[in-house]
N, C-alpha and C. Protein backbone atom coordinates (compact mmCIF):
# COMPACT_ATOMS: atom_id res chain seq x y z
N MET A 1 118.70 159.89 105.43
CA MET A 1 119.76 160.04 106.32
C MET A 1 119.91 161.01 107.22
N ARG A 2 120.57 160.62 108.12
CA ARG A 2 120.71 161.25 109.49
C ARG A 2 122.26 161.27 109.76
N LEU A 3 122.51 162.39 110.15
CA LEU A 3 124.15 163.12 110.41
C LEU A 3 123.90 163.66 111.45
N VAL A 4 125.08 163.67 112.40
CA VAL A 4 125.47 164.40 113.53
C VAL A 4 127.08 164.30 113.32
N ALA A 5 127.35 165.70 113.15
CA ALA A 5 128.91 165.82 112.81
C ALA A 5 129.64 166.96 113.61
N GLY A 6 131.03 166.76 113.81
CA GLY A 6 131.48 167.85 114.09
C GLY A 6 131.72 168.05 115.69
N GLU A 7 131.12 167.35 116.64
CA GLU A 7 131.49 167.43 118.05
C GLU A 7 132.92 167.55 118.43
N GLY A 8 133.41 168.14 119.26
CA GLY A 8 134.50 168.37 119.58
C GLY A 8 135.50 168.81 118.67
N VAL A 9 135.13 169.48 117.61
CA VAL A 9 135.95 169.90 116.46
C VAL A 9 136.40 171.26 117.04
N PRO A 10 137.58 171.36 116.95
CA PRO A 10 138.11 172.74 117.30
C PRO A 10 137.75 174.04 115.97
N ASP A 11 137.46 175.15 116.33
CA ASP A 11 136.93 176.29 115.79
C ASP A 11 138.21 176.82 114.62
N SER A 12 139.03 176.11 113.76
CA SER A 12 139.89 176.15 112.99
C SER A 12 139.75 176.12 111.91
N ALA A 13 140.66 176.76 110.64
CA ALA A 13 140.53 176.17 109.44
C ALA A 13 141.55 175.05 109.51
N TRP A 14 142.26 174.58 109.79
CA TRP A 14 143.10 173.77 110.21
C TRP A 14 142.37 172.38 111.03
N VAL A 15 141.33 172.12 110.59
CA VAL A 15 140.79 170.98 111.49
C VAL A 15 141.35 169.57 110.98
N ASP A 16 141.52 168.89 112.11
CA ASP A 16 142.23 167.53 112.05
C ASP A 16 140.74 166.55 111.47
N THR A 17 140.60 166.22 110.50
CA THR A 17 139.45 165.60 109.83
C THR A 17 139.36 163.83 110.78
N PHE A 18 140.46 163.27 111.05
CA PHE A 18 140.74 162.56 111.75
C PHE A 18 139.98 162.05 113.17
N ALA A 19 139.70 163.33 113.78
CA ALA A 19 139.19 163.60 114.82
C ALA A 19 137.76 163.78 115.24
N VAL A 20 136.97 163.86 113.74
CA VAL A 20 135.89 164.44 113.56
C VAL A 20 134.68 163.38 114.12
N ARG A 21 134.04 163.90 115.19
CA ARG A 21 133.16 162.71 115.03
C ARG A 21 132.02 162.53 114.42
N TYR A 22 131.12 161.27 114.06
CA TYR A 22 130.38 161.45 113.27
C TYR A 22 129.07 160.10 113.68
N ASP A 23 128.37 160.50 113.07
CA ASP A 23 127.04 159.52 113.69
C ASP A 23 125.93 159.54 112.19
N VAL A 24 126.04 158.58 111.82
CA VAL A 24 125.54 158.74 110.09
C VAL A 24 124.52 157.54 110.10
N GLU A 25 123.27 157.69 109.73
CA GLU A 25 122.57 156.52 109.51
C GLU A 25 121.81 156.52 107.68
N LEU A 26 121.87 155.37 107.06
CA LEU A 26 121.21 155.61 105.77
C LEU A 26 120.31 154.56 105.57
N ARG A 27 119.17 154.51 105.39
CA ARG A 27 118.29 153.76 104.99
C ARG A 27 118.29 153.68 103.02
N LEU A 28 118.61 151.88 103.28
CA LEU A 28 118.84 151.37 102.03
C LEU A 28 117.68 150.79 101.36
N SER A 29 117.51 150.82 99.92
CA SER A 29 116.33 149.83 99.47
C SER A 29 117.05 148.33 99.18
N ARG A 30 116.36 147.34 98.59
CA ARG A 30 116.61 146.04 98.26
C ARG A 30 117.09 146.31 97.06
N ASP A 31 117.54 146.93 96.41
CA ASP A 31 118.51 146.97 94.98
C ASP A 31 119.75 146.69 95.10
N PRO A 32 120.36 146.06 94.47
CA PRO A 32 122.02 146.08 94.36
C PRO A 32 122.86 147.17 94.49
N ALA A 33 121.88 148.23 93.64
CA ALA A 33 123.10 149.64 93.85
C ALA A 33 122.83 150.14 95.23
N SER A 34 122.54 149.70 96.35
CA SER A 34 122.43 150.17 97.50
C SER A 34 124.15 149.91 98.27
N VAL A 35 124.59 149.08 97.72
CA VAL A 35 125.80 148.66 98.01
C VAL A 35 126.69 149.56 97.59
N GLY A 36 126.72 150.10 96.31
CA GLY A 36 127.23 151.24 95.91
C GLY A 36 127.05 152.76 96.98
N ALA A 37 125.85 152.86 97.32
CA ALA A 37 125.28 153.97 98.19
C ALA A 37 125.78 153.73 99.46
N ALA A 38 125.99 152.74 100.05
CA ALA A 38 126.49 152.78 101.19
C ALA A 38 128.22 152.76 100.97
N ARG A 39 129.16 152.51 100.11
CA ARG A 39 130.21 152.50 99.73
C ARG A 39 130.53 154.07 99.98
N GLU A 40 129.50 154.59 99.11
CA GLU A 40 129.86 156.45 98.88
C GLU A 40 129.67 157.10 100.06
N LEU A 41 128.60 156.27 101.24
CA LEU A 41 128.59 157.49 102.33
C LEU A 41 129.99 156.94 102.97
N VAL A 42 130.33 155.79 103.09
CA VAL A 42 131.88 155.56 103.85
C VAL A 42 132.32 156.53 103.54
N ARG A 43 132.64 156.67 102.13
CA ARG A 43 133.82 157.26 101.54
C ARG A 43 133.50 159.36 101.85
N SER A 44 132.51 159.75 101.88
CA SER A 44 132.19 160.74 102.31
C SER A 44 132.35 161.18 104.07
N THR A 45 132.16 160.09 104.31
CA THR A 45 132.40 160.24 105.68
C THR A 45 133.57 160.07 106.63
N VAL A 46 133.98 158.89 106.51
CA VAL A 46 134.85 158.29 107.50
C VAL A 46 136.52 158.96 106.68
N THR A 47 137.32 159.18 107.49
CA THR A 47 138.30 159.51 107.07
C THR A 47 139.54 158.79 108.05
N GLY A 48 140.48 158.94 107.91
CA GLY A 48 141.99 158.17 108.22
C GLY A 48 142.40 156.90 107.78
N PRO A 49 143.61 156.31 108.44
CA PRO A 49 144.32 155.15 107.20
C PRO A 49 143.59 153.92 107.22
N TRP A 50 142.22 153.85 107.90
CA TRP A 50 141.41 152.75 107.56
C TRP A 50 140.38 152.32 106.64
N LEU A 51 140.28 153.67 105.64
CA LEU A 51 138.89 153.95 104.96
C LEU A 51 138.75 152.50 104.06
N ASP A 52 139.89 152.05 103.23
CA ASP A 52 139.49 151.14 102.72
C ASP A 52 138.88 149.86 103.38
N ASP A 53 139.17 149.62 104.51
CA ASP A 53 138.92 148.50 105.63
C ASP A 53 137.46 148.86 105.86
N VAL A 54 137.32 150.01 105.92
CA VAL A 54 135.68 150.34 106.39
C VAL A 54 134.90 149.81 105.08
N VAL A 55 135.38 150.33 104.08
CA VAL A 55 134.65 150.27 102.58
C VAL A 55 134.06 148.77 102.29
N LEU A 56 135.29 148.34 102.63
CA LEU A 56 135.59 146.44 102.56
C LEU A 56 134.23 146.05 103.32
N VAL A 57 134.17 146.27 104.61
CA VAL A 57 133.27 145.52 105.60
C VAL A 57 132.10 146.03 105.33
N VAL A 58 131.79 147.46 105.19
CA VAL A 58 130.54 148.05 104.70
C VAL A 58 129.71 146.91 103.40
N SER A 59 130.65 147.10 102.55
CA SER A 59 130.58 146.37 101.22
C SER A 59 129.85 145.13 101.45
N GLU A 60 130.49 144.16 102.41
CA GLU A 60 130.29 142.69 102.87
C GLU A 60 128.86 142.77 103.42
N LEU A 61 128.69 143.45 104.53
CA LEU A 61 127.72 143.53 105.49
C LEU A 61 126.42 143.64 105.32
N VAL A 62 126.32 144.83 104.23
CA VAL A 62 124.95 145.54 102.97
C VAL A 62 124.91 144.18 102.35
N THR A 63 125.82 143.95 101.13
CA THR A 63 125.77 142.51 100.44
C THR A 63 124.81 141.44 101.13
N ASN A 64 125.61 141.14 102.36
CA ASN A 64 125.06 140.15 103.01
C ASN A 64 123.32 140.41 103.96
N ALA A 65 122.93 141.44 103.84
CA ALA A 65 121.59 142.43 104.20
C ALA A 65 120.69 141.83 103.20
N LEU A 66 121.65 142.46 102.02
CA LEU A 66 120.28 141.99 100.73
C LEU A 66 120.28 140.74 100.32
N LEU A 67 121.24 139.64 100.55
CA LEU A 67 120.91 138.50 99.92
C LEU A 67 120.68 137.19 101.21
N HIS A 68 120.62 137.71 102.26
CA HIS A 68 120.50 136.74 103.36
C HIS A 68 119.22 137.63 104.52
N GLY A 69 119.16 138.49 104.42
CA GLY A 69 118.11 139.28 105.36
C GLY A 69 117.09 139.99 104.35
N SER A 70 116.19 140.55 105.27
CA SER A 70 114.86 140.99 104.51
C SER A 70 114.33 142.40 105.10
N GLY A 71 113.38 143.08 104.52
CA GLY A 71 113.49 144.34 104.43
C GLY A 71 114.25 145.25 104.46
N ASN A 72 114.37 146.40 103.96
CA ASN A 72 114.92 147.62 103.73
C ASN A 72 116.38 147.97 104.67
N PRO A 73 117.46 147.44 104.13
CA PRO A 73 118.54 147.60 105.41
C PRO A 73 118.89 148.87 105.53
N VAL A 74 119.35 149.04 106.71
CA VAL A 74 119.80 150.69 107.34
C VAL A 74 121.24 150.21 107.80
N LEU A 75 121.93 151.30 107.53
CA LEU A 75 123.29 151.48 107.52
C LEU A 75 123.99 152.40 108.47
N ARG A 76 124.45 151.94 109.62
CA ARG A 76 124.68 153.14 110.33
C ARG A 76 126.26 152.97 110.58
N LEU A 77 126.94 154.36 110.79
CA LEU A 77 128.66 154.73 110.96
C LEU A 77 128.56 155.49 111.86
N CYS A 78 129.39 155.17 112.84
CA CYS A 78 129.52 156.33 114.60
C CYS A 78 130.97 155.88 114.77
N GLY A 79 131.51 157.12 115.00
CA GLY A 79 133.03 157.46 115.12
C GLY A 79 133.70 158.35 115.29
N GLY A 80 134.82 158.62 115.46
CA GLY A 80 135.93 159.49 115.28
C GLY A 80 137.09 158.69 115.67
N GLY A 81 138.07 160.00 116.22
CA GLY A 81 139.28 159.47 116.52
C GLY A 81 139.96 158.47 116.02
N ASN A 82 139.90 157.26 116.46
CA ASN A 82 140.66 156.37 116.00
C ASN A 82 139.79 155.07 115.72
N ARG A 83 138.63 155.12 116.02
CA ARG A 83 137.31 154.00 116.08
C ARG A 83 136.19 154.40 115.29
N VAL A 84 135.80 153.16 114.55
CA VAL A 84 134.47 153.32 113.79
C VAL A 84 133.50 152.23 114.03
N ARG A 85 132.56 152.16 114.18
CA ARG A 85 131.61 151.23 114.75
C ARG A 85 130.43 151.57 113.45
N VAL A 86 130.35 149.89 112.73
CA VAL A 86 129.55 149.76 111.78
C VAL A 86 128.09 148.75 111.99
N GLU A 87 127.13 149.39 111.88
CA GLU A 87 125.93 148.58 111.91
C GLU A 87 125.26 148.39 110.85
N VAL A 88 124.63 146.94 110.59
CA VAL A 88 123.99 147.12 109.44
C VAL A 88 122.67 146.45 110.13
N GLN A 89 121.40 147.15 109.90
CA GLN A 89 120.21 146.58 110.57
C GLN A 89 119.51 146.11 109.41
N ASP A 90 118.44 144.92 109.55
CA ASP A 90 117.34 144.22 108.50
C ASP A 90 116.43 143.64 109.07
N THR A 91 115.14 143.38 108.59
CA THR A 91 114.30 142.80 109.44
C THR A 91 114.16 141.13 109.50
N ASN A 92 115.14 140.73 109.08
CA ASN A 92 115.40 139.14 109.36
C ASN A 92 115.96 139.19 110.74
N PRO A 93 115.38 137.86 111.62
CA PRO A 93 116.26 137.81 113.14
C PRO A 93 117.00 137.02 113.02
N VAL A 94 116.91 136.19 111.75
CA VAL A 94 117.83 134.78 111.91
C VAL A 94 119.45 135.65 111.64
N LEU A 95 120.46 134.72 113.11
CA LEU A 95 121.67 135.64 112.87
C LEU A 95 122.90 135.13 111.90
N PRO A 96 123.74 135.78 111.47
CA PRO A 96 124.45 135.33 110.49
C PRO A 96 125.23 134.31 111.46
N GLU A 97 126.18 133.28 110.47
CA GLU A 97 126.94 132.29 111.10
C GLU A 97 128.06 132.05 109.96
N ILE A 98 129.34 132.05 110.62
CA ILE A 98 130.54 131.76 109.62
C ILE A 98 130.20 130.35 109.65
N ARG A 99 130.70 129.87 107.97
CA ARG A 99 130.21 128.98 107.30
C ARG A 99 131.80 128.47 106.62
N GLU A 100 132.07 127.46 106.17
CA GLU A 100 133.38 127.29 105.62
C GLU A 100 133.33 127.94 104.17
N SER A 101 133.94 128.26 103.75
CA SER A 101 134.52 129.07 102.48
C SER A 101 134.64 128.23 101.57
N GLY A 102 134.07 128.59 99.97
CA GLY A 102 134.14 127.96 99.09
C GLY A 102 133.76 128.21 97.98
N GLN A 103 133.73 127.49 97.29
CA GLN A 103 132.84 128.49 95.55
C GLN A 103 131.61 128.82 95.62
N ASP A 104 130.87 128.36 96.74
CA ASP A 104 129.49 129.38 96.93
C ASP A 104 129.54 130.14 98.09
N GLY A 105 130.84 130.87 98.23
CA GLY A 105 130.53 131.76 99.37
C GLY A 105 131.27 131.35 100.59
N GLY A 106 130.85 132.42 101.78
CA GLY A 106 131.77 131.94 103.17
C GLY A 106 132.84 132.75 103.20
N TRP A 107 133.15 133.52 102.49
CA TRP A 107 134.47 134.21 102.51
C TRP A 107 134.01 135.69 103.32
N GLY A 108 133.33 136.68 103.39
CA GLY A 108 132.88 137.53 103.71
C GLY A 108 132.93 138.06 105.34
N LEU A 109 131.97 136.69 106.22
CA LEU A 109 132.15 137.19 107.47
C LEU A 109 133.65 136.69 108.12
N PRO A 110 134.61 135.96 107.50
CA PRO A 110 135.86 136.02 108.10
C PRO A 110 136.57 137.12 107.70
N MET A 111 136.34 137.92 106.57
CA MET A 111 136.96 138.64 106.25
C MET A 111 136.79 140.15 107.37
N VAL A 112 135.54 139.93 107.79
CA VAL A 112 134.96 141.22 108.67
C VAL A 112 135.57 140.47 109.96
N GLU A 113 135.68 139.68 110.17
CA GLU A 113 136.50 139.27 111.38
C GLU A 113 137.72 139.82 111.54
N ARG A 114 138.44 139.30 110.48
CA ARG A 114 139.85 139.60 110.38
C ARG A 114 140.35 141.36 110.65
N LEU A 115 139.48 141.88 109.79
CA LEU A 115 139.64 143.54 109.66
C LEU A 115 138.99 144.24 110.60
N SER A 116 138.39 143.33 111.92
CA SER A 116 137.63 144.26 112.59
C SER A 116 138.28 143.83 114.17
N LYS A 117 138.19 144.49 115.14
CA LYS A 117 138.75 144.52 116.88
C LYS A 117 137.57 143.31 117.04
N GLU A 118 136.35 143.98 116.89
CA GLU A 118 135.62 143.17 117.24
C GLU A 118 134.03 143.00 116.08
N TRP A 119 133.44 142.35 116.31
CA TRP A 119 132.36 141.77 115.51
C TRP A 119 131.35 140.98 116.09
N GLY A 120 129.68 141.29 115.48
CA GLY A 120 128.86 140.29 116.19
C GLY A 120 127.58 140.90 115.82
N ALA A 121 126.40 140.03 116.31
CA ALA A 121 125.42 140.27 115.73
C ALA A 121 124.33 139.85 116.99
N SER A 122 123.14 140.54 117.03
CA SER A 122 122.35 140.56 117.90
C SER A 122 120.44 141.04 117.36
N THR A 123 119.88 140.05 117.91
CA THR A 123 118.30 140.35 117.48
C THR A 123 118.09 141.37 117.97
N VAL A 124 117.03 142.17 117.31
CA VAL A 124 116.36 143.52 118.06
C VAL A 124 114.97 143.70 117.78
N PRO A 125 114.30 143.87 118.21
CA PRO A 125 112.55 144.09 117.63
C PRO A 125 112.60 144.31 116.42
N GLY A 126 112.24 143.54 115.96
CA GLY A 126 111.54 143.68 114.21
C GLY A 126 113.07 143.32 113.40
N GLY A 127 114.00 142.69 113.87
CA GLY A 127 114.84 141.87 113.24
C GLY A 127 116.32 141.61 113.64
N LYS A 128 117.40 142.14 113.15
CA LYS A 128 119.33 142.33 113.85
C LYS A 128 119.79 142.83 113.20
N ILE A 129 120.73 143.35 114.35
CA ILE A 129 121.82 144.18 113.58
C ILE A 129 122.81 143.44 113.63
N VAL A 130 123.79 143.22 112.68
CA VAL A 130 125.41 142.70 112.46
C VAL A 130 126.15 144.04 112.67
N TRP A 131 127.19 144.07 113.42
CA TRP A 131 128.04 145.21 113.79
C TRP A 131 129.58 144.38 113.61
N CYS A 132 130.11 145.71 113.42
CA CYS A 132 131.67 145.57 113.93
C CYS A 132 132.59 147.17 113.93
N GLU A 133 133.51 146.64 114.53
CA GLU A 133 134.31 147.91 115.32
C GLU A 133 135.39 147.92 114.78
N LEU A 134 136.09 148.78 113.76
CA LEU A 134 137.39 149.30 113.34
C LEU A 134 138.11 150.14 113.98
N VAL A 135 139.74 149.57 114.52
CA VAL A 135 140.23 150.61 115.20
C VAL A 135 141.49 150.62 114.30
N ALA A 136 141.66 151.93 114.46
CA ALA A 136 143.34 152.32 113.52
C ALA A 136 144.43 151.91 114.00
N ALA A 137 145.17 151.30 113.29
CA ALA A 137 145.99 151.08 113.66
C ALA A 137 147.83 152.30 114.04
N GLY A 138 148.10 152.03 114.65
CA GLY A 138 149.06 153.75 115.35
C GLY A 138 149.28 154.02 116.64
């Protein structure tokens, strides 16, 4: 895990954690337990009124990387203030597509789309990154 935190944080005992800037990366295994590890990273890093939404999109994107991707996924969280960016990278270059929801799935990416201000996917050398950005209301 890589962590950069505290940029711009005032030297005070009354730190507004919602304003803390963070940039974390967690390399996950292909084990289903990785989804729980990803959720725990979110809960220990992200603060603010959107925490549950961030946990939900991270769970979905990591699960998709485990089900449809290849290699060991990498989760990145970057943000602070009123914005967070979530990225999940894997070694499968095939980009995700929203499909019709039904009994066999297809509910996750529409949920990510609803909870995020923006989302997308792009190929990178050695695979792809699926990302979304969430902005706190208010």
